[in-house]
């Protein structure tokens, strides 16, 4: 077994660790920046606009409520059955 080769390898690794520790650290004033594309800004504006709109269209609901209350709201039995079956098709 050659101990000299082991000693040489050990010296190489020992020197590289010392050199790295002694090397001056670079202090660059690099800062991270964030930028949003115009598409991202447009999406944000669209989301805000959607959130401001009510979920229920009061004008449409009021007219249907009035028709139901007056007894003039008519739903076809076949149309109702078709819509019901569309939801429960297997």
Foldseek 3Di string as FASTA:
>chain_A
DDVVVVVVVVVVVVVVVVCVVPDDDDDDPDDDDDDDDVVVVVVVVVVVVVVVDDPDDVVVVVVQVVCVVVVNDDDDPVVVVVVVCVVVPD
